[in-house]
PDB file of N, CA and C in Angstrom:
ATOM      1  N   MET A   1    -189.783 159.054  49.813  1.00  0.00           N
ATOM      2  CA  MET A   1    -189.162 159.533  48.604  1.00  0.00           C
ATOM      3  C   MET A   1    -187.660 159.631  48.792  1.00  0.00           C
ATOM      4  N   GLU A   2    -186.960 159.165  47.853  1.00  0.00           N
ATOM      5  CA  GLU A   2    -185.500 159.180  47.903  1.00  0.00           C
ATOM      6  C   GLU A   2    -184.977 160.252  46.960  1.00  0.00           C
ATOM      7  N   LYS A   3    -184.130 161.099  47.508  1.00  0.00           N
ATOM      8  CA  LYS A   3    -183.551 162.158  46.675  1.00  0.00           C
ATOM      9  C   LYS A   3    -182.146 161.747  46.254  1.00  0.00           C
ATOM     10  N   ARG A   4    -181.831 162.037  45.048  1.00  0.00           N
ATOM     11  CA  ARG A   4    -180.500 161.706  44.531  1.00  0.00           C
ATOM     12  C   ARG A   4    -179.768 162.993  44.186  1.00  0.00           C
ATOM     13  N   LEU A   5    -178.523 162.990  44.534  1.00  0.00           N
ATOM     14  CA  LEU A   5    -177.676 164.105  44.134  1.00  0.00           C
ATOM     15  C   LEU A   5    -176.979 163.730  42.835  1.00  0.00           C
ATOM     16  N   GLU A   6    -177.086 164.602  41.909  1.00  0.00           N
ATOM     17  CA  GLU A   6    -176.386 164.362  40.659  1.00  0.00           C
ATOM     18  C   GLU A   6    -175.071 165.118  40.675  1.00  0.00           C
ATOM     19  N   THR A   7    -174.055 164.467  40.270  1.00  0.00           N
ATOM     20  CA  THR A   7    -172.759 165.127  40.192  1.00  0.00           C
ATOM     21  C   THR A   7    -172.368 165.274  38.735  1.00  0.00           C
ATOM     22  N   LYS A   8    -171.788 166.396  38.465  1.00  0.00           N
ATOM     23  CA  LYS A   8    -171.294 166.627  37.115  1.00  0.00           C
ATOM     24  C   LYS A   8    -169.821 166.255  37.095  1.00  0.00           C
ATOM     25  N   GLN A   9    -169.453 165.509  36.145  1.00  0.00           N
ATOM     26  CA  GLN A   9    -168.062 165.112  36.022  1.00  0.00           C
ATOM     27  C   GLN A   9    -167.437 165.824  34.832  1.00  0.00           C
ATOM     28  N   MET A  10    -166.217 166.266  35.086  1.00  0.00           N
ATOM     29  CA  MET A  10    -165.490 166.906  34.009  1.00  0.00           C
ATOM     30  C   MET A  10    -164.558 165.860  33.409  1.00  0.00           C
ATOM     31  N   LYS A  11    -164.634 165.701  32.139  1.00  0.00           N
ATOM     32  CA  LYS A  11    -163.783 164.719  31.485  1.00  0.00           C
ATOM     33  C   LYS A  11    -162.537 165.424  30.955  1.00  0.00           C
ATOM     34  N   LEU A  12    -161.407 164.860  31.287  1.00  0.00           N
ATOM     35  CA  LEU A  12    -160.132 165.387  30.806  1.00  0.00           C
ATOM     36  C   LEU A  12    -159.620 164.482  29.699  1.00  0.00           C
ATOM     37  N   THR A  13    -159.200 165.092  28.646  1.00  0.00           N
ATOM     38  CA  THR A  13    -158.562 164.297  27.606  1.00  0.00           C
ATOM     39  C   THR A  13    -157.125 164.040  28.033  1.00  0.00           C
ATOM     40  N   LYS A  14    -156.537 163.077  27.426  1.00  0.00           N
ATOM     41  CA  LYS A  14    -155.152 162.748  27.721  1.00  0.00           C
ATOM     42  C   LYS A  14    -154.251 163.947  27.421  1.00  0.00           C
ATOM     43  N   GLN A  15    -154.523 164.643  26.329  1.00  0.00           N
ATOM     44  CA  GLN A  15    -153.728 165.803  25.928  1.00  0.00           C
ATOM     45  C   GLN A  15    -153.864 166.939  26.949  1.00  0.00           C
ATOM     46  N   THR A  16    -155.077 167.188  27.441  1.00  0.00           N
ATOM     47  CA  THR A  16    -155.294 168.244  28.434  1.00  0.00           C
ATOM     48  C   THR A  16    -154.564 167.920  29.726  1.00  0.00           C
ATOM     49  N   LEU A  17    -154.640 166.683  30.156  1.00  0.00           N
ATOM     50  CA  LEU A  17    -153.951 166.266  31.373  1.00  0.00           C
ATOM     51  C   LEU A  17    -152.434 166.422  31.227  1.00  0.00           C
ATOM     52  N   LYS A  18    -151.898 166.048  30.088  1.00  0.00           N
ATOM     53  CA  LYS A  18    -150.462 166.219  29.845  1.00  0.00           C
ATOM     54  C   LYS A  18    -150.072 167.700  29.913  1.00  0.00           C
ATOM     55  N   GLN A  19    -150.902 168.565  29.335  1.00  0.00           N
ATOM     56  CA  GLN A  19    -150.619 169.998  29.337  1.00  0.00           C
ATOM     57  C   GLN A  19    -150.635 170.557  30.759  1.00  0.00           C
ATOM     58  N   ILE A  20    -151.595 170.148  31.566  1.00  0.00           N
ATOM     59  CA  ILE A  20    -151.674 170.604  32.965  1.00  0.00           C
ATOM     60  C   ILE A  20    -150.437 170.164  33.734  1.00  0.00           C
ATOM     61  N   ILE A  21    -150.050 168.929  33.572  1.00  0.00           N
ATOM     62  CA  ILE A  21    -148.865 168.408  34.264  1.00  0.00           C
ATOM     63  C   ILE A  21    -147.611 169.154  33.815  1.00  0.00           C
ATOM     64  N   LYS A  22    -147.473 169.388  32.523  1.00  0.00           N
ATOM     65  CA  LYS A  22    -146.312 170.110  31.996  1.00  0.00           C
ATOM     66  C   LYS A  22    -146.243 171.520  32.580  1.00  0.00           C
ATOM     67  N   GLU A  23    -147.368 172.226  32.609  1.00  0.00           N
ATOM     68  CA  GLU A  23    -147.389 173.590  33.149  1.00  0.00           C
ATOM     69  C   GLU A  23    -147.010 173.615  34.628  1.00  0.00           C
ATOM     70  N   GLU A  24    -147.506 172.674  35.391  1.00  0.00           N
ATOM     71  CA  GLU A  24    -147.190 172.612  36.822  1.00  0.00           C
ATOM     72  C   GLU A  24    -145.705 172.288  37.050  1.00  0.00           C
ATOM     73  N   LEU A  25    -145.177 171.363  36.283  1.00  0.00           N
ATOM     74  CA  LEU A  25    -143.756 171.024  36.407  1.00  0.00           C
ATOM     75  C   LEU A  25    -142.870 172.204  36.016  1.00  0.00           C
ATOM     76  N   ASP A  26    -143.218 172.892  34.942  1.00  0.00           N
ATOM     77  CA  ASP A  26    -142.457 174.071  34.517  1.00  0.00           C
ATOM     78  C   ASP A  26    -142.469 175.142  35.601  1.00  0.00           C
ATOM     79  N   ALA A  27    -143.618 175.353  36.209  1.00  0.00           N
ATOM     80  CA  ALA A  27    -143.732 176.361  37.274  1.00  0.00           C
ATOM     81  C   ALA A  27    -142.859 175.977  38.468  1.00  0.00           C
ATOM     82  N   MET A  28    -142.875 174.716  38.846  1.00  0.00           N
ATOM     83  CA  MET A  28    -142.060 174.264  39.982  1.00  0.00           C
ATOM     84  C   MET A  28    -140.571 174.402  39.682  1.00  0.00           C
ATOM     85  N   LEU A  29    -140.168 174.001  38.493  1.00  0.00           N
ATOM     86  CA  LEU A  29    -138.757 174.062  38.138  1.00  0.00           C
ATOM     87  C   LEU A  29    -138.257 175.494  38.057  1.00  0.00           C
ATOM     88  N   SER A  30    -139.064 176.392  37.519  1.00  0.00           N
ATOM     89  CA  SER A  30    -138.630 177.779  37.401  1.00  0.00           C
ATOM     90  C   SER A  30    -138.499 178.430  38.775  1.00  0.00           C
ATOM     91  N   GLU A  31    -139.337 178.057  39.722  1.00  0.00           N
ATOM     92  CA  GLU A  31    -139.236 178.598  41.073  1.00  0.00           C
ATOM     93  C   GLU A  31    -137.983 178.098  41.780  1.00  0.00           C
ATOM     94  N   GLU A  32    -137.643 176.833  41.580  1.00  0.00           N
ATOM     95  CA  GLU A  32    -136.520 176.226  42.277  1.00  0.00           C
ATOM     96  C   GLU A  32    -135.167 176.679  41.741  1.00  0.00           C
ATOM     97  N   GLN A  33    -135.096 177.081  40.494  1.00  0.00           N
ATOM     98  CA  GLN A  33    -133.816 177.366  39.879  1.00  0.00           C
ATOM     99  C   GLN A  33    -133.313 178.784  40.127  1.00  0.00           C
ATOM    100  N   VAL A  34    -134.108 179.630  40.730  1.00  0.00           N
ATOM    101  CA  VAL A  34    -133.707 181.018  40.954  1.00  0.00           C
ATOM    102  C   VAL A  34    -132.777 181.072  42.169  1.00  0.00           C
ATOM    103  N   ASP A  35    -131.591 181.615  41.961  1.00  0.00           N
ATOM    104  CA  ASP A  35    -130.626 181.792  43.033  1.00  0.00           C
ATOM    105  C   ASP A  35    -130.892 183.147  43.689  1.00  0.00           C
ATOM    106  N   VAL A  36    -131.228 183.133  44.976  1.00  0.00           N
ATOM    107  CA  VAL A  36    -131.573 184.362  45.694  1.00  0.00           C
ATOM    108  C   VAL A  36    -130.639 184.544  46.881  1.00  0.00           C
ATOM    109  N   LYS A  37    -130.092 185.747  46.992  1.00  0.00           N
ATOM    110  CA  LYS A  37    -129.224 186.086  48.128  1.00  0.00           C
ATOM    111  C   LYS A  37    -129.686 187.409  48.719  1.00  0.00           C
ATOM    112  N   VAL A  38    -129.641 187.505  50.044  1.00  0.00           N
ATOM    113  CA  VAL A  38    -130.029 188.723  50.748  1.00  0.00           C
ATOM    114  C   VAL A  38    -128.824 189.195  51.557  1.00  0.00           C
ATOM    115  N   ARG A  39    -128.517 190.484  51.452  1.00  0.00           N
ATOM    116  CA  ARG A  39    -127.387 191.046  52.203  1.00  0.00           C
ATOM    117  C   ARG A  39    -127.761 192.406  52.768  1.00  0.00           C
ATOM    118  N   ASN A  40    -127.111 192.755  53.865  1.00  0.00           N
ATOM    119  CA  ASN A  40    -127.299 194.044  54.522  1.00  0.00           C
ATOM    120  C   ASN A  40    -125.964 194.781  54.469  1.00  0.00           C
ATOM    121  N   PHE A  41    -125.940 195.919  53.802  1.00  0.00           N
ATOM    122  CA  PHE A  41    -124.741 196.748  53.724  1.00  0.00           C
ATOM    123  C   PHE A  41    -125.075 198.125  54.276  1.00  0.00           C
ATOM    124  N   PRO A  42    -124.233 198.663  55.143  1.00  0.00           N
ATOM    125  CA  PRO A  42    -124.513 200.005  55.676  1.00  0.00           C
ATOM    126  C   PRO A  42    -124.268 201.079  54.623  1.00  0.00           C
ATOM    127  N   SER A  43    -125.057 202.138  54.711  1.00  0.00           N
ATOM    128  CA  SER A  43    -124.850 203.295  53.835  1.00  0.00           C
ATOM    129  C   SER A  43    -123.656 204.083  54.359  1.00  0.00           C
ATOM    130  N   ASN A  44    -123.289 205.152  53.672  1.00  0.00           N
ATOM    131  CA  ASN A  44    -122.165 205.986  54.122  1.00  0.00           C
ATOM    132  C   ASN A  44    -122.410 206.567  55.509  1.00  0.00           C
ATOM    133  N   SER A  45    -123.674 206.777  55.846  1.00  0.00           N
ATOM    134  CA  SER A  45    -124.002 207.331  57.164  1.00  0.00           C
ATOM    135  C   SER A  45    -124.167 206.238  58.221  1.00  0.00           C
ATOM    136  N   GLY A  46    -124.019 204.981  57.825  1.00  0.00           N
ATOM    137  CA  GLY A  46    -124.099 203.878  58.772  1.00  0.00           C
ATOM    138  C   GLY A  46    -125.461 203.211  58.871  1.00  0.00           C
ATOM    139  N   GLU A  47    -126.452 203.754  58.175  1.00  0.00           N
ATOM    140  CA  GLU A  47    -127.782 203.156  58.216  1.00  0.00           C
ATOM    141  C   GLU A  47    -127.795 201.859  57.401  1.00  0.00           C
ATOM    142  N   PRO A  48    -128.516 200.844  57.883  1.00  0.00           N
ATOM    143  CA  PRO A  48    -128.553 199.579  57.132  1.00  0.00           C
ATOM    144  C   PRO A  48    -129.356 199.714  55.838  1.00  0.00           C
ATOM    145  N   ARG A  49    -128.844 199.084  54.788  1.00  0.00           N
ATOM    146  CA  ARG A  49    -129.553 198.996  53.512  1.00  0.00           C
ATOM    147  C   ARG A  49    -129.590 197.533  53.126  1.00  0.00           C
ATOM    148  N   TYR A  50    -130.730 197.097  52.662  1.00  0.00           N
ATOM    149  CA  TYR A  50    -130.925 195.684  52.352  1.00  0.00           C
ATOM    150  C   TYR A  50    -130.999 195.478  50.844  1.00  0.00           C
ATOM    151  N   PHE A  51    -130.197 194.529  50.380  1.00  0.00           N
ATOM    152  CA  PHE A  51    -130.122 194.220  48.958  1.00  0.00           C
ATOM    153  C   PHE A  51    -130.467 192.759  48.732  1.00  0.00           C
ATOM    154  N   VAL A  52    -131.129 192.510  47.614  1.00  0.00           N
ATOM    155  CA  VAL A  52    -131.515 191.158  47.242  1.00  0.00           C
ATOM    156  C   VAL A  52    -131.018 190.906  45.829  1.00  0.00           C
ATOM    157  N   LYS A  53    -130.353 189.787  45.644  1.00  0.00           N
ATOM    158  CA  LYS A  53    -129.918 189.367  44.308  1.00  0.00           C
ATOM    159  C   LYS A  53    -130.804 188.200  43.895  1.00  0.00           C
ATOM    160  N   VAL A  54    -131.532 188.388  42.798  1.00  0.00           N
ATOM    161  CA  VAL A  54    -132.409 187.346  42.260  1.00  0.00           C
ATOM    162  C   VAL A  54    -131.865 186.982  40.894  1.00  0.00           C
ATOM    163  N   GLY A  55    -131.286 185.796  40.803  1.00  0.00           N
ATOM    164  CA  GLY A  55    -130.626 185.417  39.553  1.00  0.00           C
ATOM    165  C   GLY A  55    -129.448 186.339  39.326  1.00  0.00           C
ATOM    166  N   ASP A  56    -129.479 187.128  38.255  1.00  0.00           N
ATOM    167  CA  ASP A  56    -128.390 188.075  37.983  1.00  0.00           C
ATOM    168  C   ASP A  56    -128.848 189.526  38.136  1.00  0.00           C
ATOM    169  N   LYS A  57    -129.987 189.739  38.785  1.00  0.00           N
ATOM    170  CA  LYS A  57    -130.516 191.092  38.976  1.00  0.00           C
ATOM    171  C   LYS A  57    -130.425 191.490  40.445  1.00  0.00           C
ATOM    172  N   PHE A  58    -130.166 192.778  40.678  1.00  0.00           N
ATOM    173  CA  PHE A  58    -129.980 193.294  42.030  1.00  0.00           C
ATOM    174  C   PHE A  58    -131.092 194.286  42.375  1.00  0.00           C
ATOM    175  N   TYR A  59    -131.578 194.192  43.621  1.00  0.00           N
ATOM    176  CA  TYR A  59    -132.652 195.057  44.090  1.00  0.00           C
ATOM    177  C   TYR A  59    -132.338 195.562  45.487  1.00  0.00           C
ATOM    178  N   GLN A  60    -132.939 196.700  45.839  1.00  0.00           N
ATOM    179  CA  GLN A  60    -132.871 197.208  47.196  1.00  0.00           C
ATOM    180  C   GLN A  60    -134.280 197.103  47.773  1.00  0.00           C
ATOM    181  N   THR A  61    -134.369 196.792  49.061  1.00  0.00           N
ATOM    182  CA  THR A  61    -135.674 196.628  49.677  1.00  0.00           C
ATOM    183  C   THR A  61    -135.643 197.023  51.143  1.00  0.00           C
ATOM    184  N   GLN A  62    -136.771 196.911  51.795  1.00  0.00           N
ATOM    185  CA  GLN A  62    -136.882 197.230  53.206  1.00  0.00           C
ATOM    186  C   GLN A  62    -136.448 196.040  54.051  1.00  0.00           C
ATOM    187  N   GLU A  63    -136.125 196.321  55.300  1.00  0.00           N
ATOM    188  CA  GLU A  63    -135.684 195.277  56.227  1.00  0.00           C
ATOM    189  C   GLU A  63    -136.719 194.154  56.351  1.00  0.00           C
ATOM    190  N   SER A  64    -137.989 194.515  56.469  1.00  0.00           N
ATOM    191  CA  SER A  64    -139.034 193.497  56.669  1.00  0.00           C
ATOM    192  C   SER A  64    -139.125 192.547  55.471  1.00  0.00           C
ATOM    193  N   VAL A  65    -138.977 193.080  54.272  1.00  0.00           N
ATOM    194  CA  VAL A  65    -139.036 192.241  53.067  1.00  0.00           C
ATOM    195  C   VAL A  65    -137.808 191.332  53.009  1.00  0.00           C
ATOM    196  N   ALA A  66    -136.640 191.893  53.296  1.00  0.00           N
ATOM    197  CA  ALA A  66    -135.408 191.103  53.285  1.00  0.00           C
ATOM    198  C   ALA A  66    -135.493 189.954  54.287  1.00  0.00           C
ATOM    199  N   LYS A  67    -135.985 190.225  55.466  1.00  0.00           N
ATOM    200  CA  LYS A  67    -136.099 189.174  56.490  1.00  0.00           C
ATOM    201  C   LYS A  67    -137.136 188.126  56.095  1.00  0.00           C
ATOM    202  N   ASP A  68    -138.230 188.563  55.462  1.00  0.00           N
ATOM    203  CA  ASP A  68    -139.239 187.610  55.010  1.00  0.00           C
ATOM    204  C   ASP A  68    -138.658 186.674  53.951  1.00  0.00           C
ATOM    205  N   ILE A  69    -137.867 187.222  53.043  1.00  0.00           N
ATOM    206  CA  ILE A  69    -137.228 186.389  52.015  1.00  0.00           C
ATOM    207  C   ILE A  69    -136.264 185.405  52.660  1.00  0.00           C
ATOM    208  N   GLU A  70    -135.486 185.867  53.629  1.00  0.00           N
ATOM    209  CA  GLU A  70    -134.545 184.976  54.314  1.00  0.00           C
ATOM    210  C   GLU A  70    -135.261 183.857  55.062  1.00  0.00           C
ATOM    211  N   GLN A  71    -136.353 184.189  55.719  1.00  0.00           N
ATOM    212  CA  GLN A  71    -137.053 183.207  56.554  1.00  0.00           C
ATOM    213  C   GLN A  71    -137.982 182.290  55.771  1.00  0.00           C
ATOM    214  N   ASN A  72    -138.673 182.833  54.779  1.00  0.00           N
ATOM    215  CA  ASN A  72    -139.707 182.064  54.082  1.00  0.00           C
ATOM    216  C   ASN A  72    -139.404 181.764  52.627  1.00  0.00           C
ATOM    217  N   GLY A  73    -138.294 182.283  52.128  1.00  0.00           N
ATOM    218  CA  GLY A  73    -137.961 182.074  50.729  1.00  0.00           C
ATOM    219  C   GLY A  73    -138.551 183.158  49.844  1.00  0.00           C
ATOM    220  N   TYR A  74    -138.012 183.248  48.667  1.00  0.00           N
ATOM    221  CA  TYR A  74    -138.408 184.272  47.705  1.00  0.00           C
ATOM    222  C   TYR A  74    -139.656 183.840  46.957  1.00  0.00           C
ATOM    223  N   ASP A  75    -140.640 184.706  46.919  1.00  0.00           N
ATOM    224  CA  ASP A  75    -141.882 184.478  46.179  1.00  0.00           C
ATOM    225  C   ASP A  75    -142.102 185.690  45.273  1.00  0.00           C
ATOM    226  N   PRO A  76    -141.899 185.541  43.953  1.00  0.00           N
ATOM    227  CA  PRO A  76    -142.014 186.695  43.057  1.00  0.00           C
ATOM    228  C   PRO A  76    -143.362 187.399  43.156  1.00  0.00           C
ATOM    229  N   LYS A  77    -144.430 186.645  43.332  1.00  0.00           N
ATOM    230  CA  LYS A  77    -145.759 187.260  43.407  1.00  0.00           C
ATOM    231  C   LYS A  77    -145.883 188.144  44.649  1.00  0.00           C
ATOM    232  N   LYS A  78    -145.189 187.776  45.695  1.00  0.00           N
ATOM    233  CA  LYS A  78    -145.283 188.500  46.964  1.00  0.00           C
ATOM    234  C   LYS A  78    -144.246 189.614  47.073  1.00  0.00           C
ATOM    235  N   HIS A  79    -143.032 189.369  46.594  1.00  0.00           N
ATOM    236  CA  HIS A  79    -141.913 190.275  46.863  1.00  0.00           C
ATOM    237  C   HIS A  79    -141.538 191.241  45.747  1.00  0.00           C
ATOM    238  N   ASP A  80    -141.809 190.908  44.503  1.00  0.00           N
ATOM    239  CA  ASP A  80    -141.313 191.731  43.396  1.00  0.00           C
ATOM    240  C   ASP A  80    -141.759 193.189  43.475  1.00  0.00           C
ATOM    241  N   TYR A  81    -142.997 193.435  43.864  1.00  0.00           N
ATOM    242  CA  TYR A  81    -143.472 194.823  43.898  1.00  0.00           C
ATOM    243  C   TYR A  81    -142.896 195.607  45.075  1.00  0.00           C
ATOM    244  N   GLU A  82    -142.232 194.929  46.013  1.00  0.00           N
ATOM    245  CA  GLU A  82    -141.644 195.596  47.179  1.00  0.00           C
ATOM    246  C   GLU A  82    -140.142 195.833  47.029  1.00  0.00           C
ATOM    247  N   MET A  83    -139.599 195.545  45.850  1.00  0.00           N
ATOM    248  CA  MET A  83    -138.163 195.704  45.631  1.00  0.00           C
ATOM    249  C   MET A  83    -137.920 196.675  44.484  1.00  0.00           C
ATOM    250  N   SER A  84    -136.866 197.484  44.619  1.00  0.00           N
ATOM    251  CA  SER A  84    -136.509 198.459  43.586  1.00  0.00           C
ATOM    252  C   SER A  84    -135.182 198.069  42.949  1.00  0.00           C
ATOM    253  N   PRO A  85    -135.116 198.081  41.624  1.00  0.00           N
ATOM    254  CA  PRO A  85    -133.840 197.773  40.969  1.00  0.00           C
ATOM    255  C   PRO A  85    -132.770 198.796  41.368  1.00  0.00           C
ATOM    256  N   VAL A  86    -131.534 198.331  41.524  1.00  0.00           N
ATOM    257  CA  VAL A  86    -130.445 199.242  41.882  1.00  0.00           C
ATOM    258  C   VAL A  86    -129.800 199.788  40.609  1.00  0.00           C
ATOM    259  N   SER A  87    -129.140 200.926  40.753  1.00  0.00           N
ATOM    260  CA  SER A  87    -128.455 201.542  39.612  1.00  0.00           C
ATOM    261  C   SER A  87    -127.245 200.692  39.227  1.00  0.00           C
ATOM    262  N   ASP A  88    -126.749 200.920  38.022  1.00  0.00           N
ATOM    263  CA  ASP A  88    -125.555 200.200  37.570  1.00  0.00           C
ATOM    264  C   ASP A  88    -124.369 200.489  38.481  1.00  0.00           C
ATOM    265  N   GLU A  89    -124.252 201.740  38.912  1.00  0.00           N
ATOM    266  CA  GLU A  89    -123.149 202.123  39.798  1.00  0.00           C
ATOM    267  C   GLU A  89    -123.216 201.363  41.116  1.00  0.00           C
ATOM    268  N   MET A  90    -124.399 201.294  41.705  1.00  0.00           N
ATOM    269  CA  MET A  90    -124.565 200.570  42.963  1.00  0.00           C
ATOM    270  C   MET A  90    -124.339 199.082  42.770  1.00  0.00           C
ATOM    271  N   GLN A  91    -124.803 198.560  41.649  1.00  0.00           N
ATOM    272  CA  GLN A  91    -124.606 197.147  41.362  1.00  0.00           C
ATOM    273  C   GLN A  91    -123.119 196.799  41.312  1.00  0.00           C
ATOM    274  N   MET A  92    -122.326 197.668  40.720  1.00  0.00           N
ATOM    275  CA  MET A  92    -120.875 197.441  40.647  1.00  0.00           C
ATOM    276  C   MET A  92    -120.256 197.372  42.044  1.00  0.00           C
ATOM    277  N   LYS A  93    -120.799 198.153  42.973  1.00  0.00           N
ATOM    278  CA  LYS A  93    -120.256 198.180  44.341  1.00  0.00           C
ATOM    279  C   LYS A  93    -120.653 196.933  45.141  1.00  0.00           C
ATOM    280  N   ILE A  94    -121.907 196.494  44.972  1.00  0.00           N
ATOM    281  CA  ILE A  94    -122.362 195.402  45.830  1.00  0.00           C
ATOM    282  C   ILE A  94    -122.203 194.014  45.214  1.00  0.00           C
ATOM    283  N   ALA A  95    -122.088 193.918  43.901  1.00  0.00           N
ATOM    284  CA  ALA A  95    -122.011 192.606  43.244  1.00  0.00           C
ATOM    285  C   ALA A  95    -120.887 191.736  43.805  1.00  0.00           C
ATOM    286  N   PRO A  96    -119.668 192.246  43.990  1.00  0.00           N
ATOM    287  CA  PRO A  96    -118.610 191.368  44.511  1.00  0.00           C
ATOM    288  C   PRO A  96    -118.897 190.866  45.927  1.00  0.00           C
ATOM    289  N   LYS A  97    -119.675 191.598  46.688  1.00  0.00           N
ATOM    290  CA  LYS A  97    -119.976 191.220  48.067  1.00  0.00           C
ATOM    291  C   LYS A  97    -121.125 190.221  48.169  1.00  0.00           C
ATOM    292  N   MET A  98    -121.822 190.013  47.063  1.00  0.00           N
ATOM    293  CA  MET A  98    -123.004 189.144  47.101  1.00  0.00           C
ATOM    294  C   MET A  98    -122.766 187.794  46.438  1.00  0.00           C
ATOM    295  N   ARG A  99    -121.568 187.359  46.398  1.00  0.00           N
ATOM    296  CA  ARG A  99    -121.256 186.048  45.793  1.00  0.00           C
ATOM    297  C   ARG A  99    -121.502 184.931  46.748  1.00  0.00           C
TER     298      ARG A  99
END
């Protein structure tokens, strides 16, 4: 007796395939266009503080997160929840140093 495996095939319409390709390209382009900078500035007491500039927004984070971004690149899904937005006052102080 010979057994046959049946495979189910999913048919993609031309429109569905175009939509998938468009979504993937948009995702790639949006990831590549973000300008990210990481800097370490000491506090008034001399302790290191780590800041990340993502596009035009500024965040403060831990050393391990800052180093991961520097070494492996910025990943919003991985890093966003580990960064805190900085106050307007702090942003005014660090923005010129993060160019």
